[in-house]
PDB file of all heavy atoms in Angstrom:
ATOM      1  N   ALA A   1      18.846  11.151  44.071  1.00  0.00           N
ATOM      2  CA  ALA A   1      18.560  10.482  45.398  1.00  0.00           C
ATOM      3  C   ALA A   1      17.136   9.919  45.352  1.00  0.00           C
ATOM      4  O   ALA A   1      16.271  10.404  44.571  1.00  0.00           O
ATOM      5  CB  ALA A   1      18.703  11.491  46.519  1.00  0.00           C
ATOM      6  N   MET A   2      16.948   8.972  46.220  1.00  0.00           N
ATOM      7  CA  MET A   2      15.577   8.470  46.409  1.00  0.00           C
ATOM      8  C   MET A   2      15.405   8.288  47.908  1.00  0.00           C
ATOM      9  O   MET A   2      16.445   8.204  48.660  1.00  0.00           O
ATOM     10  CB  MET A   2      15.356   7.140  45.760  1.00  0.00           C
ATOM     11  CG  MET A   2      15.385   7.191  44.236  1.00  0.00           C
ATOM     12  SD  MET A   2      14.958   5.657  43.413  1.00  0.00           S
ATOM     13  CE  MET A   2      13.185   5.615  43.663  1.00  0.00           C
ATOM     14  N   GLY A   3      14.216   8.293  48.417  1.00  0.00           N
ATOM     15  CA  GLY A   3      14.029   8.131  49.828  1.00  0.00           C
ATOM     16  C   GLY A   3      12.550   7.948  50.172  1.00  0.00           C
ATOM     17  O   GLY A   3      11.701   7.714  49.351  1.00  0.00           O
ATOM     18  N   TRP A   4      12.366   7.932  51.540  1.00  0.00           N
ATOM     19  CA  TRP A   4      11.005   7.690  52.065  1.00  0.00           C
ATOM     20  C   TRP A   4      10.650   8.795  53.115  1.00  0.00           C
ATOM     21  O   TRP A   4      11.530   9.031  53.986  1.00  0.00           O
ATOM     22  CB  TRP A   4      10.921   6.320  52.729  1.00  0.00           C
ATOM     23  CG  TRP A   4      11.145   5.158  51.825  1.00  0.00           C
ATOM     24  CD1 TRP A   4      12.270   4.590  51.441  1.00  0.00           C
ATOM     25  CD2 TRP A   4      10.054   4.479  51.085  1.00  0.00           C
ATOM     26  NE1 TRP A   4      12.008   3.546  50.553  1.00  0.00           N
ATOM     27  CE2 TRP A   4      10.675   3.457  50.360  1.00  0.00           C
ATOM     28  CE3 TRP A   4       8.678   4.623  51.058  1.00  0.00           C
ATOM     29  CZ2 TRP A   4       9.921   2.661  49.514  1.00  0.00           C
ATOM     30  CZ3 TRP A   4       7.940   3.790  50.243  1.00  0.00           C
ATOM     31  CH2 TRP A   4       8.594   2.813  49.529  1.00  0.00           C
ATOM     32  N   TYR A   5       9.553   9.329  52.991  1.00  0.00           N
ATOM     33  CA  TYR A   5       8.949  10.213  53.975  1.00  0.00           C
ATOM     34  C   TYR A   5       7.807   9.484  54.574  1.00  0.00           C
ATOM     35  O   TYR A   5       7.273   8.532  54.001  1.00  0.00           O
ATOM     36  CB  TYR A   5       8.396  11.521  53.361  1.00  0.00           C
ATOM     37  CG  TYR A   5       9.463  12.630  53.193  1.00  0.00           C
ATOM     38  CD1 TYR A   5      10.388  12.633  52.206  1.00  0.00           C
ATOM     39  CD2 TYR A   5       9.422  13.690  54.114  1.00  0.00           C
ATOM     40  CE1 TYR A   5      11.306  13.730  52.027  1.00  0.00           C
ATOM     41  CE2 TYR A   5      10.320  14.706  54.006  1.00  0.00           C
ATOM     42  CZ  TYR A   5      11.304  14.743  52.932  1.00  0.00           C
ATOM     43  OH  TYR A   5      12.182  15.796  52.794  1.00  0.00           O
ATOM     44  N   ARG A   6       7.378   9.971  55.751  1.00  0.00           N
ATOM     45  CA  ARG A   6       6.115   9.453  56.367  1.00  0.00           C
ATOM     46  C   ARG A   6       5.441  10.606  57.007  1.00  0.00           C
ATOM     47  O   ARG A   6       5.919  11.502  57.401  1.00  0.00           O
ATOM     48  CB  ARG A   6       6.426   8.351  57.350  1.00  0.00           C
ATOM     49  CG  ARG A   6       7.149   8.837  58.634  1.00  0.00           C
ATOM     50  CD  ARG A   6       7.404   7.567  59.503  1.00  0.00           C
ATOM     51  NE  ARG A   6       8.101   7.955  60.785  1.00  0.00           N
ATOM     52  CZ  ARG A   6       8.634   7.061  61.632  1.00  0.00           C
ATOM     53  NH1 ARG A   6       8.459   5.744  61.395  1.00  0.00           N
ATOM     54  NH2 ARG A   6       9.222   7.500  62.781  1.00  0.00           N
ATOM     55  N   GLN A   7       4.139  10.383  57.089  1.00  0.00           N
ATOM     56  CA  GLN A   7       3.253  11.347  57.775  1.00  0.00           C
ATOM     57  C   GLN A   7       2.194  10.619  58.632  1.00  0.00           C
ATOM     58  O   GLN A   7       1.396   9.875  58.071  1.00  0.00           O
ATOM     59  CB  GLN A   7       2.557  12.292  56.758  1.00  0.00           C
ATOM     60  CG  GLN A   7       1.798  13.447  57.462  1.00  0.00           C
ATOM     61  CD  GLN A   7       1.394  14.513  56.492  1.00  0.00           C
ATOM     62  OE1 GLN A   7       1.294  14.332  55.299  1.00  0.00           O
ATOM     63  NE2 GLN A   7       1.241  15.715  57.036  1.00  0.00           N
ATOM     64  N   ALA A   8       2.280  10.889  59.912  1.00  0.00           N
ATOM     65  CA  ALA A   8       1.370  10.345  60.847  1.00  0.00           C
ATOM     66  C   ALA A   8       0.229  11.297  61.047  1.00  0.00           C
ATOM     67  O   ALA A   8       0.334  12.492  60.823  1.00  0.00           O
ATOM     68  CB  ALA A   8       2.084  10.002  62.171  1.00  0.00           C
ATOM     69  N   PRO A   9      -0.927  10.798  61.519  1.00  0.00           N
ATOM     70  CA  PRO A   9      -2.145  11.730  61.675  1.00  0.00           C
ATOM     71  C   PRO A   9      -1.800  12.779  62.655  1.00  0.00           C
ATOM     72  O   PRO A   9      -1.175  12.627  63.727  1.00  0.00           O
ATOM     73  CB  PRO A   9      -3.165  10.772  62.281  1.00  0.00           C
ATOM     74  CG  PRO A   9      -2.730   9.427  61.774  1.00  0.00           C
ATOM     75  CD  PRO A   9      -1.272   9.397  61.757  1.00  0.00           C
ATOM     76  N   GLY A  10      -2.020  14.052  62.229  1.00  0.00           N
ATOM     77  CA  GLY A  10      -1.823  15.227  63.042  1.00  0.00           C
ATOM     78  C   GLY A  10      -0.374  15.694  63.207  1.00  0.00           C
ATOM     79  O   GLY A  10      -0.051  16.531  63.945  1.00  0.00           O
ATOM     80  N   LYS A  11       0.520  15.026  62.434  1.00  0.00           N
ATOM     81  CA  LYS A  11       1.925  15.364  62.511  1.00  0.00           C
ATOM     82  C   LYS A  11       2.454  15.862  61.118  1.00  0.00           C
ATOM     83  O   LYS A  11       1.818  15.538  60.122  1.00  0.00           O
ATOM     84  CB  LYS A  11       2.788  14.188  62.973  1.00  0.00           C
ATOM     85  CG  LYS A  11       2.475  13.753  64.393  1.00  0.00           C
ATOM     86  CD  LYS A  11       3.440  12.691  64.883  1.00  0.00           C
ATOM     87  CE  LYS A  11       3.200  12.396  66.339  1.00  0.00           C
ATOM     88  NZ  LYS A  11       4.135  11.384  66.853  1.00  0.00           N
ATOM     89  N   GLN A  12       3.594  16.550  61.199  1.00  0.00           N
ATOM     90  CA  GLN A  12       4.212  16.951  59.952  1.00  0.00           C
ATOM     91  C   GLN A  12       4.947  15.805  59.238  1.00  0.00           C
ATOM     92  O   GLN A  12       5.294  14.767  59.861  1.00  0.00           O
ATOM     93  CB  GLN A  12       5.273  18.022  60.213  1.00  0.00           C
ATOM     94  CG  GLN A  12       4.717  19.421  60.663  1.00  0.00           C
ATOM     95  CD  GLN A  12       5.734  20.447  60.685  1.00  0.00           C
ATOM     96  OE1 GLN A  12       6.921  20.256  60.953  1.00  0.00           O
ATOM     97  NE2 GLN A  12       5.297  21.730  60.395  1.00  0.00           N
ATOM     98  N   ARG A  13       5.043  15.912  57.955  1.00  0.00           N
ATOM     99  CA  ARG A  13       5.669  14.951  57.141  1.00  0.00           C
ATOM    100  C   ARG A  13       7.222  14.926  57.547  1.00  0.00           C
ATOM    101  O   ARG A  13       7.768  16.011  57.634  1.00  0.00           O
ATOM    102  CB  ARG A  13       5.487  15.198  55.684  1.00  0.00           C
ATOM    103  CG  ARG A  13       5.822  14.045  54.710  1.00  0.00           C
ATOM    104  CD  ARG A  13       5.433  14.406  53.304  1.00  0.00           C
ATOM    105  NE  ARG A  13       3.934  14.380  53.202  1.00  0.00           N
ATOM    106  CZ  ARG A  13       3.328  14.477  51.972  1.00  0.00           C
ATOM    107  NH1 ARG A  13       3.951  14.606  50.944  1.00  0.00           N
ATOM    108  NH2 ARG A  13       1.960  14.436  51.987  1.00  0.00           N
ATOM    109  N   GLU A  14       7.873  13.820  57.684  1.00  0.00           N
ATOM    110  CA  GLU A  14       9.190  13.684  58.074  1.00  0.00           C
ATOM    111  C   GLU A  14       9.981  12.698  57.138  1.00  0.00           C
ATOM    112  O   GLU A  14       9.440  11.743  56.711  1.00  0.00           O
ATOM    113  CB  GLU A  14       9.353  13.255  59.571  1.00  0.00           C
ATOM    114  CG  GLU A  14       8.901  11.801  59.825  1.00  0.00           C
ATOM    115  CD  GLU A  14       9.294  11.331  61.181  1.00  0.00           C
ATOM    116  OE1 GLU A  14      10.251  11.884  61.840  1.00  0.00           O
ATOM    117  OE2 GLU A  14       8.677  10.396  61.642  1.00  0.00           O
ATOM    118  N   LEU A  15      11.213  13.079  56.919  1.00  0.00           N
ATOM    119  CA  LEU A  15      12.135  12.248  56.181  1.00  0.00           C
ATOM    120  C   LEU A  15      12.542  11.073  57.040  1.00  0.00           C
ATOM    121  O   LEU A  15      13.092  11.242  58.191  1.00  0.00           O
ATOM    122  CB  LEU A  15      13.354  13.063  55.677  1.00  0.00           C
ATOM    123  CG  LEU A  15      14.376  12.261  54.881  1.00  0.00           C
ATOM    124  CD1 LEU A  15      13.762  11.683  53.632  1.00  0.00           C
ATOM    125  CD2 LEU A  15      15.625  13.111  54.595  1.00  0.00           C
ATOM    126  N   VAL A  16      12.346   9.886  56.582  1.00  0.00           N
ATOM    127  CA  VAL A  16      12.718   8.647  57.239  1.00  0.00           C
ATOM    128  C   VAL A  16      14.034   8.081  56.849  1.00  0.00           C
ATOM    129  O   VAL A  16      14.907   7.799  57.695  1.00  0.00           O
ATOM    130  CB  VAL A  16      11.595   7.587  56.964  1.00  0.00           C
ATOM    131  CG1 VAL A  16      11.996   6.275  57.665  1.00  0.00           C
ATOM    132  CG2 VAL A  16      10.293   8.031  57.531  1.00  0.00           C
ATOM    133  N   ALA A  17      14.237   8.014  55.592  1.00  0.00           N
ATOM    134  CA  ALA A  17      15.516   7.448  55.054  1.00  0.00           C
ATOM    135  C   ALA A  17      15.728   7.980  53.664  1.00  0.00           C
ATOM    136  O   ALA A  17      14.784   8.283  52.890  1.00  0.00           O
ATOM    137  CB  ALA A  17      15.540   5.965  55.036  1.00  0.00           C
ATOM    138  N   ARG A  18      17.023   8.063  53.272  1.00  0.00           N
ATOM    139  CA  ARG A  18      17.321   8.545  51.891  1.00  0.00           C
ATOM    140  C   ARG A  18      18.608   7.827  51.467  1.00  0.00           C
ATOM    141  O   ARG A  18      19.476   7.530  52.288  1.00  0.00           O
ATOM    142  CB  ARG A  18      17.580   9.996  51.940  1.00  0.00           C
ATOM    143  CG  ARG A  18      17.891  10.694  50.582  1.00  0.00           C
ATOM    144  CD  ARG A  18      18.739  11.905  50.777  1.00  0.00           C
ATOM    145  NE  ARG A  18      20.000  11.544  51.270  1.00  0.00           N
ATOM    146  CZ  ARG A  18      20.650  12.264  52.215  1.00  0.00           C
ATOM    147  NH1 ARG A  18      20.078  13.322  52.815  1.00  0.00           N
ATOM    148  NH2 ARG A  18      21.829  11.870  52.689  1.00  0.00           N
ATOM    149  N   VAL A  19      18.657   7.496  50.139  1.00  0.00           N
ATOM    150  CA  VAL A  19      19.914   6.932  49.562  1.00  0.00           C
ATOM    151  C   VAL A  19      20.210   7.726  48.291  1.00  0.00           C
ATOM    152  O   VAL A  19      19.324   8.055  47.454  1.00  0.00           O
ATOM    153  CB  VAL A  19      19.671   5.419  49.228  1.00  0.00           C
ATOM    154  CG1 VAL A  19      18.582   5.181  48.295  1.00  0.00           C
ATOM    155  CG2 VAL A  19      21.035   4.847  48.708  1.00  0.00           C
ATOM    156  N   THR A  20      21.506   8.113  48.171  1.00  0.00           N
ATOM    157  CA  THR A  20      21.878   8.852  46.944  1.00  0.00           C
ATOM    158  C   THR A  20      22.422   7.948  45.872  1.00  0.00           C
ATOM    159  O   THR A  20      22.553   6.711  46.109  1.00  0.00           O
ATOM    160  CB  THR A  20      23.062   9.832  47.344  1.00  0.00           C
ATOM    161  OG1 THR A  20      24.212   9.072  47.617  1.00  0.00           O
ATOM    162  CG2 THR A  20      22.679  10.697  48.553  1.00  0.00           C
ATOM    163  N   ASN A  21      22.655   8.444  44.688  1.00  0.00           N
ATOM    164  CA  ASN A  21      23.139   7.616  43.617  1.00  0.00           C
ATOM    165  C   ASN A  21      24.522   7.212  43.898  1.00  0.00           C
ATOM    166  O   ASN A  21      25.057   6.299  43.161  1.00  0.00           O
ATOM    167  CB  ASN A  21      22.999   8.310  42.287  1.00  0.00           C
ATOM    168  CG  ASN A  21      23.784   9.587  42.112  1.00  0.00           C
ATOM    169  OD1 ASN A  21      24.506  10.010  43.059  1.00  0.00           O
ATOM    170  ND2 ASN A  21      23.641  10.220  40.993  1.00  0.00           N
ATOM    171  N   GLY A  22      25.233   7.670  44.936  1.00  0.00           N
ATOM    172  CA  GLY A  22      26.526   7.198  45.334  1.00  0.00           C
ATOM    173  C   GLY A  22      26.383   6.284  46.503  1.00  0.00           C
ATOM    174  O   GLY A  22      27.387   5.902  47.122  1.00  0.00           O
ATOM    175  N   ASP A  23      25.102   5.900  46.804  1.00  0.00           N
ATOM    176  CA  ASP A  23      24.843   4.915  47.852  1.00  0.00           C
ATOM    177  C   ASP A  23      25.124   5.398  49.310  1.00  0.00           C
ATOM    178  O   ASP A  23      25.297   4.663  50.181  1.00  0.00           O
ATOM    179  CB  ASP A  23      25.538   3.589  47.652  1.00  0.00           C
ATOM    180  CG  ASP A  23      24.948   2.738  46.579  1.00  0.00           C
ATOM    181  OD1 ASP A  23      23.740   2.804  46.276  1.00  0.00           O
ATOM    182  OD2 ASP A  23      25.698   2.076  45.856  1.00  0.00           O
ATOM    183  N   SER A  24      25.175   6.712  49.379  1.00  0.00           N
ATOM    184  CA  SER A  24      25.236   7.311  50.719  1.00  0.00           C
ATOM    185  C   SER A  24      23.848   7.335  51.354  1.00  0.00           C
ATOM    186  O   SER A  24      22.863   7.671  50.678  1.00  0.00           O
ATOM    187  CB  SER A  24      25.698   8.737  50.623  1.00  0.00           C
ATOM    188  OG  SER A  24      25.693   9.416  51.915  1.00  0.00           O
ATOM    189  N   THR A  25      23.689   6.919  52.599  1.00  0.00           N
ATOM    190  CA  THR A  25      22.421   6.749  53.226  1.00  0.00           C
ATOM    191  C   THR A  25      22.297   7.696  54.435  1.00  0.00           C
ATOM    192  O   THR A  25      23.255   8.154  55.056  1.00  0.00           O
ATOM    193  CB  THR A  25      22.176   5.314  53.677  1.00  0.00           C
ATOM    194  OG1 THR A  25      23.229   4.935  54.624  1.00  0.00           O
ATOM    195  CG2 THR A  25      22.101   4.352  52.519  1.00  0.00           C
ATOM    196  N   TYR A  26      20.988   8.037  54.699  1.00  0.00           N
ATOM    197  CA  TYR A  26      20.618   8.831  55.855  1.00  0.00           C
ATOM    198  C   TYR A  26      19.426   8.134  56.446  1.00  0.00           C
ATOM    199  O   TYR A  26      18.515   7.654  55.714  1.00  0.00           O
ATOM    200  CB  TYR A  26      20.163  10.269  55.380  1.00  0.00           C
ATOM    201  CG  TYR A  26      19.419  10.955  56.503  1.00  0.00           C
ATOM    202  CD1 TYR A  26      19.974  11.699  57.493  1.00  0.00           C
ATOM    203  CD2 TYR A  26      18.009  10.951  56.417  1.00  0.00           C
ATOM    204  CE1 TYR A  26      19.287  12.307  58.527  1.00  0.00           C
ATOM    205  CE2 TYR A  26      17.284  11.548  57.376  1.00  0.00           C
ATOM    206  CZ  TYR A  26      17.932  12.255  58.406  1.00  0.00           C
ATOM    207  OH  TYR A  26      17.103  12.840  59.414  1.00  0.00           O
ATOM    208  N   TYR A  27      19.362   8.109  57.860  1.00  0.00           N
ATOM    209  CA  TYR A  27      18.260   7.630  58.502  1.00  0.00           C
ATOM    210  C   TYR A  27      17.869   8.557  59.588  1.00  0.00           C
ATOM    211  O   TYR A  27      18.766   9.181  60.251  1.00  0.00           O
ATOM    212  CB  TYR A  27      18.561   6.279  59.225  1.00  0.00           C
ATOM    213  CG  TYR A  27      18.835   5.164  58.176  1.00  0.00           C
ATOM    214  CD1 TYR A  27      20.146   4.810  57.835  1.00  0.00           C
ATOM    215  CD2 TYR A  27      17.731   4.436  57.618  1.00  0.00           C
ATOM    216  CE1 TYR A  27      20.330   3.825  56.923  1.00  0.00           C
ATOM    217  CE2 TYR A  27      17.981   3.438  56.706  1.00  0.00           C
ATOM    218  CZ  TYR A  27      19.291   3.134  56.403  1.00  0.00           C
ATOM    219  OH  TYR A  27      19.539   2.056  55.476  1.00  0.00           O
ATOM    220  N   ALA A  28      16.572   8.777  59.837  1.00  0.00           N
ATOM    221  CA  ALA A  28      16.102   9.584  60.978  1.00  0.00           C
ATOM    222  C   ALA A  28      16.521   8.812  62.270  1.00  0.00           C
ATOM    223  O   ALA A  28      16.556   7.509  62.241  1.00  0.00           O
ATOM    224  CB  ALA A  28      14.634   9.720  60.964  1.00  0.00           C
ATOM    225  N   ASP A  29      16.853   9.591  63.265  1.00  0.00           N
ATOM    226  CA  ASP A  29      17.222   8.920  64.581  1.00  0.00           C
ATOM    227  C   ASP A  29      16.197   7.929  65.099  1.00  0.00           C
ATOM    228  O   ASP A  29      16.528   6.925  65.649  1.00  0.00           O
ATOM    229  CB  ASP A  29      17.432   9.958  65.658  1.00  0.00           C
ATOM    230  CG  ASP A  29      18.735  10.825  65.364  1.00  0.00           C
ATOM    231  OD1 ASP A  29      19.549  10.316  64.642  1.00  0.00           O
ATOM    232  OD2 ASP A  29      18.841  11.921  65.964  1.00  0.00           O
ATOM    233  N   SER A  30      14.987   8.173  64.750  1.00  0.00           N
ATOM    234  CA  SER A  30      13.796   7.308  65.307  1.00  0.00           C
ATOM    235  C   SER A  30      13.883   5.941  64.663  1.00  0.00           C
ATOM    236  O   SER A  30      13.180   5.007  65.175  1.00  0.00           O
ATOM    237  CB  SER A  30      12.562   8.064  65.118  1.00  0.00           C
ATOM    238  OG  SER A  30      12.266   8.331  63.845  1.00  0.00           O
ATOM    239  N   VAL A  31      14.497   5.796  63.507  1.00  0.00           N
ATOM    240  CA  VAL A  31      14.456   4.475  62.823  1.00  0.00           C
ATOM    241  C   VAL A  31      15.770   3.871  62.631  1.00  0.00           C
ATOM    242  O   VAL A  31      15.874   2.748  62.145  1.00  0.00           O
ATOM    243  CB  VAL A  31      13.801   4.660  61.397  1.00  0.00           C
ATOM    244  CG1 VAL A  31      12.455   5.300  61.567  1.00  0.00           C
ATOM    245  CG2 VAL A  31      14.662   5.422  60.414  1.00  0.00           C
ATOM    246  N   LYS A  32      16.896   4.584  63.083  1.00  0.00           N
ATOM    247  CA  LYS A  32      18.263   4.014  62.928  1.00  0.00           C
ATOM    248  C   LYS A  32      18.392   2.626  63.648  1.00  0.00           C
ATOM    249  O   LYS A  32      17.856   2.432  64.821  1.00  0.00           O
ATOM    250  CB  LYS A  32      19.264   4.910  63.611  1.00  0.00           C
ATOM    251  CG  LYS A  32      19.719   6.053  62.688  1.00  0.00           C
ATOM    252  CD  LYS A  32      20.746   6.915  63.350  1.00  0.00           C
ATOM    253  CE  LYS A  32      21.090   8.102  62.404  1.00  0.00           C
ATOM    254  NZ  LYS A  32      22.068   9.045  63.122  1.00  0.00           N
TER     255      LYS A  32
END
């Protein structure tokens, strides 16, 4: 799998999006 995390100042790192080698995707609700 590959993906993107982000970290804003003063906040915890969060998973934004992810794609597996089978092309299954995940998105955080905030970016869907």
